[in-house]
Structures are given as C-alpha cells and as structure tokens.
Amino acid sequence: MLIKYKSTYKKIAMGLLSYMPKQKQIKALQETIEKYEHDDRWQLFLWKEEDIVGVIGIYEDGDGDFELCHVCVNPSFRDEGIGKQMLQAVQERITGTLKPNKDTKDFYSACLLDV
C-alpha cells in the first residue's frame, strides 16, 4: 500500500533513499529529504506491507508533468515486484505524465518491458 511521506517516517525514508547511488552521503540525504518536506513540488511516498519496505519520490515540473526521481526497495524485498507496484500506484495518483530521470531510467524501462 502506498502512503504519503510524513516527517515521522524520516529515518526509514532516509535509510531507503540511501540505496540510490547518489544518496550515499548523509548530507545529500538530508538535502533530499528537506526538499520532500518543504517543497510542494517534491512528493515522497512509502510502500507499506507489514513494514515499510520501499520509497518512491517524484517532482512536479511547471507544466503538470512529473519526474521519477527516486525509487528504492529494501534489498530483502527485491525481485517481488514492489518497485513496479509503487510505480503503478504513483501513476494512478497523478494527472500528468510521469517520466524517469537519468537515475531512474533503467528501472522505469525495465518496468515497461515487464508489462
């Protein structure tokens, strides 16, 4: 189930975001979470099964379209289709087009091929 990020989930969200290649440093993680907490154009969602096992973040551009900025799943839950479920759930919540950025392009393409 997709749930909207709240600051009470900060530590778990940062832990999951740290799986993104450019989010290894604590300063980068803090800057990223800051965007999601204070800029309405940045939206972060968590995927909850029994526990929170994934995170997906999008950025709304000025034209009403969205960029897929972050998608991470706890390694213990990978290869179960959670990333694809998160992507589908986010696409159902937005009205514009969702496009990947350079960091999420390979994941996004793999999901499209897996349809």
C-alpha atoms as a PDB file:
ATOM      1  CA  MET A   1       0.000   0.000   0.000  1.00  0.00           C
ATOM      2  CA  LEU A   2       1.291   3.433  -0.964  1.00  0.00           C
ATOM      3  CA  ILE A   3       1.311   6.024   1.823  1.00  0.00           C
ATOM      4  CA  LYS A   4       2.281   9.700   1.731  1.00  0.00           C
ATOM      5  CA  TYR A   5       5.517  10.638   3.480  1.00  0.00           C
ATOM      6  CA  LYS A   6       5.299  12.311   6.889  1.00  0.00           C
ATOM      7  CA  SER A   7       8.220  13.555   8.952  1.00  0.00           C
ATOM      8  CA  THR A   8       7.620  10.732  11.452  1.00  0.00           C
ATOM      9  CA  TYR A   9       8.942   8.408   8.706  1.00  0.00           C
ATOM     10  CA  LYS A  10      12.106  10.461   8.209  1.00  0.00           C
ATOM     11  CA  LYS A  11      14.662   7.899   9.413  1.00  0.00           C
ATOM     12  CA  ILE A  12      13.193   4.992   7.472  1.00  0.00           C
ATOM     13  CA  ALA A  13      12.788   7.143   4.343  1.00  0.00           C
ATOM     14  CA  MET A  14      16.410   8.267   4.562  1.00  0.00           C
ATOM     15  CA  GLY A  15      17.516   4.671   5.057  1.00  0.00           C
ATOM     16  CA  LEU A  16      15.652   3.549   1.949  1.00  0.00           C
ATOM     17  CA  LEU A  17      16.791   6.560  -0.103  1.00  0.00           C
ATOM     18  CA  SER A  18      20.385   5.679   0.758  1.00  0.00           C
ATOM     19  CA  TYR A  19      20.103   2.785  -1.714  1.00  0.00           C
ATOM     20  CA  MET A  20      20.100   5.331  -4.563  1.00  0.00           C
ATOM     21  CA  PRO A  21      23.618   5.663  -5.987  1.00  0.00           C
ATOM     22  CA  LYS A  22      23.878   9.429  -5.432  1.00  0.00           C
ATOM     23  CA  GLN A  23      22.371   9.338  -1.944  1.00  0.00           C
ATOM     24  CA  LYS A  24      25.160   7.595  -0.039  1.00  0.00           C
ATOM     25  CA  GLN A  25      26.395  10.670   1.837  1.00  0.00           C
ATOM     26  CA  ILE A  26      24.396  11.886   4.844  1.00  0.00           C
ATOM     27  CA  LYS A  27      24.497  15.497   3.600  1.00  0.00           C
ATOM     28  CA  ALA A  28      22.947  14.507   0.249  1.00  0.00           C
ATOM     29  CA  LEU A  29      20.263  12.501   2.060  1.00  0.00           C
ATOM     30  CA  GLN A  30      19.449  15.419   4.348  1.00  0.00           C
ATOM     31  CA  GLU A  31      19.162  17.803   1.376  1.00  0.00           C
ATOM     32  CA  THR A  32      16.892  15.359  -0.464  1.00  0.00           C
ATOM     33  CA  ILE A  33      14.587  14.800   2.496  1.00  0.00           C
ATOM     34  CA  GLU A  34      14.497  18.572   3.034  1.00  0.00           C
ATOM     35  CA  LYS A  35      13.098  19.024  -0.498  1.00  0.00           C
ATOM     36  CA  TYR A  36      10.391  16.446   0.124  1.00  0.00           C
ATOM     37  CA  GLU A  37       9.445  18.037   3.449  1.00  0.00           C
ATOM     38  CA  HIS A  38       9.374  21.703   2.403  1.00  0.00           C
ATOM     39  CA  ASP A  39       8.713  21.984  -1.343  1.00  0.00           C
ATOM     40  CA  ASP A  40       5.228  21.009  -2.519  1.00  0.00           C
ATOM     41  CA  ARG A  41       6.563  20.115  -5.980  1.00  0.00           C
ATOM     42  CA  TRP A  42       8.526  17.229  -4.423  1.00  0.00           C
ATOM     43  CA  GLN A  43       6.359  14.296  -3.285  1.00  0.00           C
ATOM     44  CA  LEU A  44       7.596  11.230  -1.450  1.00  0.00           C
ATOM     45  CA  PHE A  45       5.626   8.047  -0.886  1.00  0.00           C
ATOM     46  CA  LEU A  46       6.407   4.916   1.102  1.00  0.00           C
ATOM     47  CA  TRP A  47       5.332   1.366   0.357  1.00  0.00           C
ATOM     48  CA  LYS A  48       3.961  -0.497   3.340  1.00  0.00           C
ATOM     49  CA  GLU A  49       3.402  -4.216   3.544  1.00  0.00           C
ATOM     50  CA  GLU A  50       3.671  -5.304   7.184  1.00  0.00           C
ATOM     51  CA  ASP A  51       6.593  -2.878   7.434  1.00  0.00           C
ATOM     52  CA  ILE A  52       7.699  -0.032   5.198  1.00  0.00           C
ATOM     53  CA  VAL A  53       9.834  -1.683   2.520  1.00  0.00           C
ATOM     54  CA  GLY A  54      10.084   0.885  -0.280  1.00  0.00           C
ATOM     55  CA  VAL A  55      10.124   4.549  -1.167  1.00  0.00           C
ATOM     56  CA  ILE A  56       9.331   6.432  -4.369  1.00  0.00           C
ATOM     57  CA  GLY A  57       9.780  10.147  -4.996  1.00  0.00           C
ATOM     58  CA  ILE A  58       8.531  12.400  -7.765  1.00  0.00           C
ATOM     59  CA  TYR A  59       8.996  16.037  -8.760  1.00  0.00           C
ATOM     60  CA  GLU A  60       6.261  18.078 -10.433  1.00  0.00           C
ATOM     61  CA  ASP A  61       7.562  20.395 -13.138  1.00  0.00           C
ATOM     62  CA  GLY A  62       5.823  23.636 -14.024  1.00  0.00           C
ATOM     63  CA  ASP A  63       3.772  22.014 -16.801  1.00  0.00           C
ATOM     64  CA  GLY A  64       1.926  19.477 -14.630  1.00  0.00           C
ATOM     65  CA  ASP A  65       4.141  16.549 -15.597  1.00  0.00           C
ATOM     66  CA  PHE A  66       6.246  14.574 -13.145  1.00  0.00           C
ATOM     67  CA  GLU A  67       9.802  13.279 -12.973  1.00  0.00           C
ATOM     68  CA  LEU A  68      10.543   9.981 -11.237  1.00  0.00           C
ATOM     69  CA  CYS A  69      13.468  10.976  -9.023  1.00  0.00           C
ATOM     70  CA  HIS A  70      13.838   8.154  -6.517  1.00  0.00           C
ATOM     71  CA  VAL A  71      12.718   4.559  -6.281  1.00  0.00           C
ATOM     72  CA  CYS A  72      14.208   2.202  -3.698  1.00  0.00           C
ATOM     73  CA  VAL A  73      13.204  -1.116  -2.201  1.00  0.00           C
ATOM     74  CA  ASN A  74      14.759  -2.758   0.843  1.00  0.00           C
ATOM     75  CA  PRO A  75      17.164  -5.404  -0.559  1.00  0.00           C
ATOM     76  CA  SER A  76      15.397  -8.131   1.445  1.00  0.00           C
ATOM     77  CA  PHE A  77      12.219  -7.447  -0.561  1.00  0.00           C
ATOM     78  CA  ARG A  78      13.645  -7.026  -4.041  1.00  0.00           C
ATOM     79  CA  ASP A  79      12.527  -9.129  -7.016  1.00  0.00           C
ATOM     80  CA  GLU A  80       8.993  -9.310  -5.621  1.00  0.00           C
ATOM     81  CA  GLY A  81       7.501  -6.647  -7.907  1.00  0.00           C
ATOM     82  CA  ILE A  82       7.280  -3.982  -5.195  1.00  0.00           C
ATOM     83  CA  GLY A  83       9.033  -1.330  -7.277  1.00  0.00           C
ATOM     84  CA  LYS A  84       6.640  -1.896 -10.141  1.00  0.00           C
ATOM     85  CA  GLN A  85       3.644  -1.758  -7.766  1.00  0.00           C
ATOM     86  CA  MET A  86       4.910   1.539  -6.343  1.00  0.00           C
ATOM     87  CA  LEU A  87       5.330   2.956  -9.840  1.00  0.00           C
ATOM     88  CA  GLN A  88       1.794   1.917 -10.841  1.00  0.00           C
ATOM     89  CA  ALA A  89       0.306   3.321  -7.625  1.00  0.00           C
ATOM     90  CA  VAL A  90       2.040   6.684  -8.132  1.00  0.00           C
ATOM     91  CA  GLN A  91       0.879   6.846 -11.752  1.00  0.00           C
ATOM     92  CA  GLU A  92      -2.701   6.355 -10.540  1.00  0.00           C
ATOM     93  CA  ARG A  93      -2.343   9.327  -8.152  1.00  0.00           C
ATOM     94  CA  ILE A  94      -1.074  11.883 -10.667  1.00  0.00           C
ATOM     95  CA  THR A  95      -2.809  13.542 -13.592  1.00  0.00           C
ATOM     96  CA  GLY A  96       0.228  14.400 -15.723  1.00  0.00           C
ATOM     97  CA  THR A  97       2.840  12.254 -17.421  1.00  0.00           C
ATOM     98  CA  LEU A  98       5.498  10.511 -15.334  1.00  0.00           C
ATOM     99  CA  LYS A  99       8.960  10.394 -16.886  1.00  0.00           C
ATOM    100  CA  PRO A 100      12.155   8.957 -15.428  1.00  0.00           C
ATOM    101  CA  ASN A 101      15.324  10.946 -14.848  1.00  0.00           C
ATOM    102  CA  LYS A 102      18.792   9.591 -15.628  1.00  0.00           C
ATOM    103  CA  ASP A 103      18.989   7.843 -12.236  1.00  0.00           C
ATOM    104  CA  THR A 104      15.652   6.034 -12.604  1.00  0.00           C
ATOM    105  CA  LYS A 105      15.628   5.468 -16.372  1.00  0.00           C
ATOM    106  CA  ASP A 106      16.819   1.841 -16.274  1.00  0.00           C
ATOM    107  CA  PHE A 107      14.297   0.859 -13.610  1.00  0.00           C
ATOM    108  CA  TYR A 108      11.467   2.617 -15.452  1.00  0.00           C
ATOM    109  CA  SER A 109      12.377   0.928 -18.748  1.00  0.00           C
ATOM    110  CA  ALA A 110      12.545  -2.499 -17.073  1.00  0.00           C
ATOM    111  CA  CYS A 111       9.035  -1.986 -15.661  1.00  0.00           C
ATOM    112  CA  LEU A 112       7.682  -1.109 -19.098  1.00  0.00           C
ATOM    113  CA  LEU A 113       9.277  -4.207 -20.620  1.00  0.00           C
ATOM    114  CA  ASP A 114       7.831  -6.359 -17.840  1.00  0.00           C
ATOM    115  CA  VAL A 115       4.204  -5.477 -18.689  1.00  0.00           C
END
